[in-house]
Amino acid sequence: AVVSTQSTGKARIAKSVEELQDKAGIDIPPKCDSKTTLRYIKAASAIYSSAESEFRKGDHEKAYMYYYKFGMLFQQIQATSLFINKQQNVMDEFKANFTRDRVTKVLERIDMLQTKLEKVYEEIRRAEEEKIKREEEARKAAEEKKREIQEMERLRIEASRPPVDAFAIFSSGQTPL
């Protein structure tokens, strides 16, 4: 069972960093209107706040997803036609929400959390492999025990039969087969 990174250091949302990235993915159309672009920029601020909150709580998976989403928004907004054409209201809002300090902090946190999470996921993967290995060994041991019991039962039954008197069979003139 996969549990929270908060209390045990184990994962609960995904099984890999790539899976977290997929879950956090976002696609902004390069040609969206000013209102839509501004909504994405403002959403980035809320996403950043959520990332910080989850980071403080110790939920590294959620924090990573939010920081990653913020980073994706940062990249994709810069690819919009309104940003490229330097539309003033978009540029002002962008500069207010994507400050150099904030972006630097996000990139550092993404890198740090990714390293931590990769270790956690590797530990989980190894633990799951060990569990499967132990279960397989237990299954094989149970099968071997079952075969031993069956063999003992066969020998017990065989031992409980009266012995065959081969001399009596041959002297009676009967053929043993």
N, C-alpha and C. Protein backbone atom coordinates (compact mmCIF):
# COMPACT_ATOMS: atom_id res chain seq x y z
N ALA A 1 0.85 -1.18 0.00
CA ALA A 1 0.00 0.00 0.00
C ALA A 1 0.89 1.24 0.00
N VAL A 2 0.54 2.19 -0.82
CA VAL A 2 1.33 3.39 -0.95
C VAL A 2 0.75 4.45 -0.03
N VAL A 3 1.60 5.09 0.77
CA VAL A 3 1.13 6.05 1.75
C VAL A 3 1.77 7.42 1.56
N SER A 4 1.44 8.36 2.43
CA SER A 4 1.85 9.75 2.29
C SER A 4 3.34 9.97 2.47
N THR A 5 3.88 10.88 1.67
CA THR A 5 5.27 11.28 1.84
C THR A 5 5.42 12.08 3.13
N GLN A 6 4.33 12.64 3.58
CA GLN A 6 4.36 13.51 4.74
C GLN A 6 4.82 12.75 5.99
N SER A 7 4.25 11.59 6.25
CA SER A 7 4.54 10.92 7.50
C SER A 7 5.64 9.87 7.40
N THR A 8 5.79 9.23 6.26
CA THR A 8 6.70 8.11 6.20
C THR A 8 7.77 8.22 5.13
N GLY A 9 7.69 9.20 4.28
CA GLY A 9 8.66 9.29 3.21
C GLY A 9 8.30 8.42 2.03
N LYS A 10 7.15 7.78 2.08
CA LYS A 10 6.73 6.93 0.96
C LYS A 10 5.71 7.67 0.10
N ALA A 11 5.62 7.24 -1.13
CA ALA A 11 4.76 7.91 -2.10
C ALA A 11 3.31 7.49 -1.96
N ARG A 12 2.40 8.35 -2.45
CA ARG A 12 0.99 7.97 -2.43
C ARG A 12 0.25 8.41 -3.67
N ILE A 13 0.78 9.36 -4.42
CA ILE A 13 0.07 9.86 -5.59
C ILE A 13 0.52 9.14 -6.86
N ALA A 14 1.78 8.81 -6.93
CA ALA A 14 2.33 8.24 -8.17
C ALA A 14 3.41 7.22 -7.82
N LYS A 15 3.90 6.59 -8.85
CA LYS A 15 4.97 5.61 -8.67
C LYS A 15 6.28 6.08 -9.29
N SER A 16 6.26 7.26 -9.91
CA SER A 16 7.48 7.81 -10.49
C SER A 16 7.33 9.32 -10.65
N VAL A 17 8.47 9.98 -10.80
CA VAL A 17 8.46 11.42 -11.04
C VAL A 17 7.78 11.71 -12.37
N GLU A 18 8.00 10.86 -13.35
CA GLU A 18 7.38 11.04 -14.66
C GLU A 18 5.85 11.01 -14.55
N GLU A 19 5.34 10.13 -13.72
CA GLU A 19 3.90 10.05 -13.51
C GLU A 19 3.38 11.34 -12.85
N LEU A 20 4.13 11.87 -11.90
CA LEU A 20 3.75 13.14 -11.28
C LEU A 20 3.72 14.26 -12.32
N GLN A 21 4.73 14.26 -13.19
CA GLN A 21 4.79 15.28 -14.24
C GLN A 21 3.60 15.17 -15.17
N ASP A 22 3.23 13.95 -15.52
CA ASP A 22 2.05 13.76 -16.38
C ASP A 22 0.79 14.29 -15.70
N LYS A 23 0.67 14.00 -14.40
CA LYS A 23 -0.52 14.45 -13.67
C LYS A 23 -0.55 15.98 -13.55
N ALA A 24 0.62 16.60 -13.51
CA ALA A 24 0.71 18.05 -13.34
C ALA A 24 0.73 18.79 -14.67
N GLY A 25 0.77 18.06 -15.76
CA GLY A 25 0.90 18.67 -17.07
C GLY A 25 -0.23 19.64 -17.40
N ILE A 26 0.11 20.61 -18.19
CA ILE A 26 -0.86 21.62 -18.62
C ILE A 26 -0.45 22.08 -20.01
N ASP A 27 -1.42 22.33 -20.85
CA ASP A 27 -1.14 22.80 -22.20
C ASP A 27 -1.92 24.08 -22.47
N ILE A 28 -1.19 25.15 -22.65
CA ILE A 28 -1.79 26.43 -22.98
C ILE A 28 -1.71 26.60 -24.49
N PRO A 29 -2.82 26.89 -25.13
CA PRO A 29 -2.75 27.12 -26.58
C PRO A 29 -1.91 28.37 -26.86
N PRO A 30 -1.01 28.30 -27.82
CA PRO A 30 -0.14 29.45 -28.10
C PRO A 30 -0.91 30.70 -28.54
N LYS A 31 -2.09 30.50 -29.10
CA LYS A 31 -2.86 31.65 -29.57
C LYS A 31 -4.15 31.78 -28.78
N CYS A 32 -4.03 32.16 -27.52
CA CYS A 32 -5.24 32.40 -26.73
C CYS A 32 -5.38 33.90 -26.51
N ASP A 33 -6.60 34.30 -26.22
CA ASP A 33 -6.85 35.73 -26.07
C ASP A 33 -6.26 36.27 -24.77
N SER A 34 -6.30 37.57 -24.63
CA SER A 34 -5.70 38.26 -23.49
C SER A 34 -6.34 37.81 -22.18
N LYS A 35 -7.65 37.69 -22.16
CA LYS A 35 -8.38 37.31 -20.94
C LYS A 35 -7.95 35.91 -20.48
N THR A 36 -7.85 35.00 -21.42
CA THR A 36 -7.44 33.62 -21.09
C THR A 36 -5.99 33.60 -20.60
N THR A 37 -5.13 34.31 -21.29
CA THR A 37 -3.72 34.35 -20.90
C THR A 37 -3.57 34.93 -19.49
N LEU A 38 -4.31 35.98 -19.21
CA LEU A 38 -4.25 36.59 -17.87
C LEU A 38 -4.77 35.63 -16.80
N ARG A 39 -5.79 34.84 -17.13
CA ARG A 39 -6.29 33.83 -16.18
C ARG A 39 -5.21 32.80 -15.86
N TYR A 40 -4.48 32.37 -16.89
CA TYR A 40 -3.39 31.41 -16.66
C TYR A 40 -2.31 32.03 -15.77
N ILE A 41 -1.98 33.29 -16.03
CA ILE A 41 -0.95 33.96 -15.23
C ILE A 41 -1.41 34.07 -13.78
N LYS A 42 -2.65 34.46 -13.56
CA LYS A 42 -3.18 34.58 -12.20
C LYS A 42 -3.28 33.21 -11.53
N ALA A 43 -3.61 32.21 -12.31
CA ALA A 43 -3.67 30.85 -11.75
C ALA A 43 -2.29 30.41 -11.27
N ALA A 44 -1.27 30.86 -11.94
CA ALA A 44 0.09 30.50 -11.54
C ALA A 44 0.38 30.97 -10.11
N SER A 45 -0.14 32.11 -9.74
CA SER A 45 0.07 32.62 -8.39
C SER A 45 -0.59 31.70 -7.37
N ALA A 46 -1.80 31.25 -7.64
CA ALA A 46 -2.49 30.32 -6.74
C ALA A 46 -1.77 28.98 -6.69
N ILE A 47 -1.27 28.55 -7.82
CA ILE A 47 -0.52 27.28 -7.88
C ILE A 47 0.75 27.39 -7.05
N TYR A 48 1.42 28.51 -7.16
CA TYR A 48 2.64 28.73 -6.37
C TYR A 48 2.31 28.69 -4.87
N SER A 49 1.25 29.34 -4.47
CA SER A 49 0.84 29.33 -3.05
C SER A 49 0.55 27.91 -2.59
N SER A 50 -0.12 27.13 -3.42
CA SER A 50 -0.41 25.73 -3.07
C SER A 50 0.87 24.93 -2.95
N ALA A 51 1.81 25.18 -3.84
CA ALA A 51 3.11 24.47 -3.78
C ALA A 51 3.81 24.78 -2.47
N GLU A 52 3.84 26.05 -2.10
CA GLU A 52 4.50 26.44 -0.86
C GLU A 52 3.81 25.81 0.35
N SER A 53 2.49 25.80 0.34
CA SER A 53 1.73 25.22 1.43
C SER A 53 2.03 23.73 1.58
N GLU A 54 1.98 23.01 0.47
CA GLU A 54 2.25 21.56 0.52
C GLU A 54 3.69 21.29 0.92
N PHE A 55 4.59 22.13 0.48
CA PHE A 55 6.00 21.96 0.84
C PHE A 55 6.16 22.12 2.36
N ARG A 56 5.53 23.14 2.93
CA ARG A 56 5.59 23.36 4.38
C ARG A 56 4.97 22.19 5.14
N LYS A 57 3.91 21.61 4.60
CA LYS A 57 3.26 20.46 5.25
C LYS A 57 4.12 19.20 5.15
N GLY A 58 5.06 19.20 4.21
CA GLY A 58 5.91 18.02 4.03
C GLY A 58 5.38 17.05 2.99
N ASP A 59 4.36 17.44 2.25
CA ASP A 59 3.83 16.56 1.20
C ASP A 59 4.62 16.85 -0.08
N HIS A 60 5.71 16.14 -0.23
CA HIS A 60 6.64 16.40 -1.34
C HIS A 60 6.04 16.10 -2.71
N GLU A 61 5.18 15.12 -2.78
CA GLU A 61 4.58 14.82 -4.09
C GLU A 61 3.68 15.96 -4.57
N LYS A 62 2.79 16.39 -3.70
CA LYS A 62 1.89 17.49 -4.10
C LYS A 62 2.68 18.76 -4.37
N ALA A 63 3.65 19.05 -3.50
CA ALA A 63 4.47 20.25 -3.70
C ALA A 63 5.17 20.17 -5.06
N TYR A 64 5.74 19.00 -5.36
CA TYR A 64 6.43 18.83 -6.64
C TYR A 64 5.47 19.09 -7.80
N MET A 65 4.28 18.52 -7.73
CA MET A 65 3.31 18.69 -8.82
C MET A 65 2.95 20.17 -9.00
N TYR A 66 2.74 20.87 -7.91
CA TYR A 66 2.40 22.29 -8.03
C TYR A 66 3.58 23.11 -8.57
N TYR A 67 4.76 22.87 -8.03
CA TYR A 67 5.93 23.60 -8.54
C TYR A 67 6.14 23.30 -10.03
N TYR A 68 5.98 22.03 -10.40
CA TYR A 68 6.16 21.64 -11.80
C TYR A 68 5.12 22.35 -12.69
N LYS A 69 3.88 22.38 -12.22
CA LYS A 69 2.82 23.05 -12.99
C LYS A 69 3.14 24.54 -13.13
N PHE A 70 3.62 25.15 -12.07
CA PHE A 70 4.01 26.55 -12.13
C PHE A 70 5.11 26.75 -13.19
N GLY A 71 6.09 25.85 -13.17
CA GLY A 71 7.17 25.92 -14.16
C GLY A 71 6.65 25.76 -15.59
N MET A 72 5.70 24.85 -15.75
CA MET A 72 5.11 24.65 -17.09
C MET A 72 4.37 25.91 -17.54
N LEU A 73 3.63 26.51 -16.63
CA LEU A 73 2.93 27.75 -16.97
C LEU A 73 3.93 28.85 -17.35
N PHE A 74 5.00 28.95 -16.61
CA PHE A 74 6.04 29.94 -16.90
C PHE A 74 6.55 29.76 -18.33
N GLN A 75 6.86 28.53 -18.70
CA GLN A 75 7.37 28.26 -20.05
C GLN A 75 6.31 28.50 -21.12
N GLN A 76 5.12 27.99 -20.89
CA GLN A 76 4.09 28.05 -21.93
C GLN A 76 3.52 29.45 -22.14
N ILE A 77 3.42 30.21 -21.07
CA ILE A 77 2.92 31.59 -21.23
C ILE A 77 3.89 32.39 -22.09
N GLN A 78 5.17 32.13 -21.92
CA GLN A 78 6.17 32.83 -22.73
C GLN A 78 6.06 32.48 -24.22
N ALA A 79 5.41 31.37 -24.51
CA ALA A 79 5.26 30.94 -25.91
C ALA A 79 3.96 31.46 -26.53
N THR A 80 3.13 32.15 -25.75
CA THR A 80 1.87 32.67 -26.32
C THR A 80 2.15 33.87 -27.21
N SER A 81 1.29 34.06 -28.17
CA SER A 81 1.48 35.17 -29.11
C SER A 81 1.39 36.52 -28.40
N LEU A 82 0.56 36.62 -27.36
CA LEU A 82 0.43 37.89 -26.63
C LEU A 82 1.73 38.23 -25.89
N PHE A 83 2.40 37.21 -25.36
CA PHE A 83 3.67 37.45 -24.67
C PHE A 83 4.73 37.81 -25.69
N ILE A 84 4.77 37.06 -26.76
CA ILE A 84 5.77 37.30 -27.81
C ILE A 84 5.61 38.72 -28.37
N ASN A 85 4.37 39.14 -28.53
CA ASN A 85 4.10 40.49 -29.06
C ASN A 85 4.16 41.56 -27.97
N LYS A 86 4.51 41.13 -26.75
CA LYS A 86 4.70 42.03 -25.61
C LYS A 86 3.49 42.92 -25.33
N GLN A 87 2.33 42.28 -25.32
CA GLN A 87 1.11 43.02 -24.96
C GLN A 87 1.26 43.50 -23.52
N GLN A 88 1.08 44.79 -23.28
CA GLN A 88 1.44 45.43 -22.00
C GLN A 88 0.76 44.80 -20.79
N ASN A 89 -0.55 44.59 -20.83
CA ASN A 89 -1.23 44.04 -19.65
C ASN A 89 -0.76 42.62 -19.35
N VAL A 90 -0.46 41.86 -20.37
CA VAL A 90 0.06 40.49 -20.17
C VAL A 90 1.46 40.56 -19.58
N MET A 91 2.28 41.45 -20.10
CA MET A 91 3.65 41.57 -19.61
C MET A 91 3.68 42.03 -18.15
N ASP A 92 2.84 42.98 -17.81
CA ASP A 92 2.79 43.48 -16.43
C ASP A 92 2.38 42.38 -15.45
N GLU A 93 1.34 41.68 -15.81
CA GLU A 93 0.85 40.59 -14.94
C GLU A 93 1.89 39.47 -14.85
N PHE A 94 2.52 39.17 -15.96
CA PHE A 94 3.55 38.13 -15.99
C PHE A 94 4.70 38.50 -15.04
N LYS A 95 5.18 39.73 -15.14
CA LYS A 95 6.30 40.17 -14.30
C LYS A 95 5.91 40.17 -12.82
N ALA A 96 4.67 40.45 -12.51
CA ALA A 96 4.21 40.46 -11.12
C ALA A 96 4.14 39.05 -10.54
N ASN A 97 3.78 38.07 -11.36
CA ASN A 97 3.59 36.70 -10.87
C ASN A 97 4.81 35.79 -11.06
N PHE A 98 5.62 36.11 -12.01
CA PHE A 98 6.80 35.29 -12.28
C PHE A 98 8.07 36.10 -12.03
N THR A 99 8.25 36.48 -10.77
CA THR A 99 9.45 37.24 -10.43
C THR A 99 10.68 36.33 -10.54
N ARG A 100 11.84 36.95 -10.71
CA ARG A 100 13.08 36.18 -10.82
C ARG A 100 13.29 35.32 -9.58
N ASP A 101 13.07 35.89 -8.40
CA ASP A 101 13.26 35.13 -7.16
C ASP A 101 12.31 33.94 -7.08
N ARG A 102 11.07 34.17 -7.45
CA ARG A 102 10.07 33.10 -7.39
C ARG A 102 10.42 31.98 -8.37
N VAL A 103 10.77 32.34 -9.59
CA VAL A 103 11.10 31.33 -10.59
C VAL A 103 12.35 30.56 -10.18
N THR A 104 13.35 31.26 -9.66
CA THR A 104 14.58 30.59 -9.20
C THR A 104 14.26 29.62 -8.07
N LYS A 105 13.46 30.06 -7.12
CA LYS A 105 13.06 29.20 -6.00
C LYS A 105 12.32 27.97 -6.49
N VAL A 106 11.40 28.17 -7.43
CA VAL A 106 10.63 27.03 -7.97
C VAL A 106 11.56 26.04 -8.66
N LEU A 107 12.47 26.52 -9.46
CA LEU A 107 13.39 25.62 -10.16
C LEU A 107 14.27 24.84 -9.17
N GLU A 108 14.72 25.51 -8.13
CA GLU A 108 15.52 24.83 -7.11
C GLU A 108 14.70 23.78 -6.37
N ARG A 109 13.47 24.12 -6.04
CA ARG A 109 12.60 23.18 -5.33
C ARG A 109 12.26 21.98 -6.22
N ILE A 110 11.99 22.23 -7.49
CA ILE A 110 11.70 21.13 -8.41
C ILE A 110 12.88 20.16 -8.42
N ASP A 111 14.08 20.70 -8.55
CA ASP A 111 15.27 19.87 -8.61
C ASP A 111 15.47 19.09 -7.31
N MET A 112 15.34 19.77 -6.18
CA MET A 112 15.53 19.13 -4.88
C MET A 112 14.46 18.05 -4.62
N LEU A 113 13.21 18.40 -4.89
CA LEU A 113 12.13 17.44 -4.66
C LEU A 113 12.22 16.25 -5.61
N GLN A 114 12.60 16.51 -6.85
CA GLN A 114 12.73 15.41 -7.81
C GLN A 114 13.77 14.41 -7.32
N THR A 115 14.90 14.90 -6.83
CA THR A 115 15.94 14.01 -6.30
C THR A 115 15.40 13.20 -5.12
N LYS A 116 14.72 13.86 -4.20
CA LYS A 116 14.15 13.15 -3.03
C LYS A 116 13.12 12.12 -3.46
N LEU A 117 12.22 12.52 -4.34
CA LEU A 117 11.15 11.62 -4.76
C LEU A 117 11.68 10.42 -5.54
N GLU A 118 12.69 10.65 -6.37
CA GLU A 118 13.28 9.52 -7.10
C GLU A 118 13.82 8.48 -6.12
N LYS A 119 14.43 8.94 -5.03
CA LYS A 119 14.93 8.01 -4.00
C LYS A 119 13.77 7.28 -3.33
N VAL A 120 12.72 8.01 -3.01
CA VAL A 120 11.54 7.40 -2.38
C VAL A 120 10.94 6.35 -3.30
N TYR A 121 10.76 6.71 -4.57
CA TYR A 121 10.17 5.77 -5.53
C TYR A 121 11.05 4.54 -5.71
N GLU A 122 12.36 4.73 -5.69
CA GLU A 122 13.27 3.60 -5.81
C GLU A 122 13.15 2.68 -4.59
N GLU A 123 13.06 3.28 -3.41
CA GLU A 123 12.88 2.47 -2.19
C GLU A 123 11.58 1.68 -2.26
N ILE A 124 10.52 2.32 -2.72
CA ILE A 124 9.23 1.64 -2.83
C ILE A 124 9.31 0.51 -3.84
N ARG A 125 9.96 0.78 -4.97
CA ARG A 125 10.09 -0.24 -6.01
C ARG A 125 10.86 -1.45 -5.46
N ARG A 126 11.95 -1.17 -4.76
CA ARG A 126 12.74 -2.28 -4.17
C ARG A 126 11.93 -3.05 -3.13
N ALA A 127 11.21 -2.34 -2.30
CA ALA A 127 10.38 -2.99 -1.28
C ALA A 127 9.32 -3.87 -1.92
N GLU A 128 8.70 -3.37 -3.00
CA GLU A 128 7.69 -4.17 -3.71
C GLU A 128 8.32 -5.40 -4.35
N GLU A 129 9.52 -5.24 -4.93
CA GLU A 129 10.22 -6.39 -5.52
C GLU A 129 10.56 -7.42 -4.45
N GLU A 130 11.03 -6.95 -3.29
CA GLU A 130 11.35 -7.86 -2.19
C GLU A 130 10.09 -8.58 -1.70
N LYS A 131 9.00 -7.87 -1.61
CA LYS A 131 7.74 -8.47 -1.18
C LYS A 131 7.31 -9.56 -2.16
N ILE A 132 7.39 -9.27 -3.44
CA ILE A 132 7.04 -10.25 -4.47
C ILE A 132 7.96 -11.45 -4.38
N LYS A 133 9.25 -11.20 -4.17
CA LYS A 133 10.23 -12.28 -4.05
C LYS A 133 9.90 -13.17 -2.83
N ARG A 134 9.60 -12.52 -1.69
CA ARG A 134 9.24 -13.29 -0.48
C ARG A 134 7.97 -14.10 -0.70
N GLU A 135 6.98 -13.49 -1.36
CA GLU A 135 5.73 -14.19 -1.62
C GLU A 135 5.96 -15.39 -2.55
N GLU A 136 6.82 -15.22 -3.55
CA GLU A 136 7.13 -16.32 -4.47
C GLU A 136 7.86 -17.44 -3.73
N GLU A 137 8.81 -17.06 -2.86
CA GLU A 137 9.52 -18.06 -2.07
C GLU A 137 8.57 -18.80 -1.14
N ALA A 138 7.64 -18.09 -0.54
CA ALA A 138 6.65 -18.72 0.35
C ALA A 138 5.74 -19.65 -0.43
N ARG A 139 5.35 -19.23 -1.65
CA ARG A 139 4.51 -20.07 -2.49
C ARG A 139 5.25 -21.35 -2.87
N LYS A 140 6.52 -21.21 -3.24
CA LYS A 140 7.31 -22.39 -3.60
C LYS A 140 7.50 -23.31 -2.40
N ALA A 141 7.74 -22.74 -1.23
CA ALA A 141 7.91 -23.54 -0.02
C ALA A 141 6.61 -24.28 0.31
N ALA A 142 5.47 -23.62 0.13
CA ALA A 142 4.18 -24.26 0.38
C ALA A 142 3.94 -25.40 -0.60
N GLU A 143 4.30 -25.19 -1.86
CA GLU A 143 4.16 -26.26 -2.86
C GLU A 143 5.06 -27.44 -2.52
N GLU A 144 6.28 -27.16 -2.10
CA GLU A 144 7.22 -28.23 -1.73
C GLU A 144 6.70 -28.98 -0.51
N LYS A 145 6.16 -28.27 0.47
CA LYS A 145 5.60 -28.90 1.66
C LYS A 145 4.41 -29.79 1.27
N LYS A 146 3.59 -29.29 0.34
CA LYS A 146 2.44 -30.07 -0.12
C LYS A 146 2.91 -31.36 -0.80
N ARG A 147 3.97 -31.25 -1.64
CA ARG A 147 4.51 -32.46 -2.29
C ARG A 147 5.06 -33.44 -1.26
N GLU A 148 5.73 -32.91 -0.24
CA GLU A 148 6.28 -33.78 0.80
C GLU A 148 5.15 -34.51 1.54
N ILE A 149 4.09 -33.78 1.86
CA ILE A 149 2.94 -34.39 2.55
C ILE A 149 2.30 -35.46 1.67
N GLN A 150 2.15 -35.17 0.39
CA GLN A 150 1.58 -36.15 -0.53
C GLN A 150 2.46 -37.39 -0.63
N GLU A 151 3.77 -37.19 -0.67
CA GLU A 151 4.70 -38.32 -0.74
C GLU A 151 4.63 -39.13 0.55
N MET A 152 4.57 -38.46 1.69
CA MET A 152 4.47 -39.17 2.97
C MET A 152 3.17 -39.97 3.04
N GLU A 153 2.08 -39.38 2.54
CA GLU A 153 0.80 -40.08 2.53
C GLU A 153 0.87 -41.31 1.62
N ARG A 154 1.51 -41.14 0.46
CA ARG A 154 1.67 -42.27 -0.46
C ARG A 154 2.47 -43.38 0.20
N LEU A 155 3.55 -43.02 0.88
CA LEU A 155 4.38 -44.02 1.56
C LEU A 155 3.61 -44.67 2.72
N ARG A 156 2.80 -43.88 3.44
CA ARG A 156 2.02 -44.44 4.53
C ARG A 156 1.02 -45.46 4.01
N ILE A 157 0.34 -45.10 2.90
CA ILE A 157 -0.63 -46.02 2.31
C ILE A 157 0.07 -47.28 1.83
N GLU A 158 1.20 -47.08 1.19
CA GLU A 158 1.96 -48.23 0.68
C GLU A 158 2.42 -49.12 1.84
N ALA A 159 2.84 -48.51 2.93
CA ALA A 159 3.32 -49.28 4.08
C ALA A 159 2.18 -50.01 4.79
N SER A 160 0.96 -49.49 4.66
CA SER A 160 -0.17 -50.12 5.35
C SER A 160 -0.71 -51.33 4.59
N ARG A 161 -0.32 -51.50 3.34
CA ARG A 161 -0.76 -52.67 2.57
C ARG A 161 -0.01 -53.90 3.07
N PRO A 162 -0.70 -55.04 3.03
CA PRO A 162 0.02 -56.26 3.45
C PRO A 162 1.14 -56.57 2.46
N PRO A 163 2.23 -57.11 2.95
CA PRO A 163 3.34 -57.41 2.04
C PRO A 163 2.93 -58.50 1.05
N VAL A 164 3.50 -58.39 -0.11
CA VAL A 164 3.23 -59.38 -1.16
C VAL A 164 4.18 -60.55 -0.95
N ASP A 165 3.62 -61.74 -0.90
CA ASP A 165 4.44 -62.94 -0.75
C ASP A 165 4.71 -63.48 -2.14
N ALA A 166 5.82 -63.10 -2.70
CA ALA A 166 6.17 -63.50 -4.07
C ALA A 166 6.34 -65.02 -4.15
N PHE A 167 6.88 -65.66 -3.13
CA PHE A 167 7.08 -67.11 -3.16
C PHE A 167 5.76 -67.85 -3.26
N ALA A 168 4.75 -67.33 -2.50
CA ALA A 168 3.43 -67.96 -2.51
C ALA A 168 2.79 -67.82 -3.88
N ILE A 169 2.98 -66.70 -4.51
CA ILE A 169 2.39 -66.47 -5.84
C ILE A 169 3.01 -67.43 -6.85
N PHE A 170 4.33 -67.56 -6.84
CA PHE A 170 5.00 -68.43 -7.82
C PHE A 170 4.71 -69.92 -7.54
N SER A 171 4.64 -70.29 -6.29
CA SER A 171 4.41 -71.69 -5.99
C SER A 171 2.97 -72.09 -6.27
N SER A 172 2.03 -71.13 -6.36
CA SER A 172 0.65 -71.46 -6.66
C SER A 172 0.44 -71.63 -8.14
N GLY A 173 1.45 -71.24 -8.91
CA GLY A 173 1.34 -71.39 -10.34
C GLY A 173 0.70 -70.19 -11.03
N GLN A 174 0.36 -69.18 -10.27
CA GLN A 174 -0.22 -67.97 -10.87
C GLN A 174 0.89 -67.08 -11.42
N THR A 175 0.55 -66.38 -12.43
CA THR A 175 1.50 -65.43 -13.01
C THR A 175 1.36 -64.10 -12.25
N PRO A 176 2.45 -63.48 -11.86
CA PRO A 176 2.36 -62.28 -11.07
C PRO A 176 1.70 -61.11 -11.84
N LEU A 177 1.69 -61.14 -13.09
CA LEU A 177 1.08 -60.04 -13.85
C LEU A 177 -0.19 -60.42 -14.47
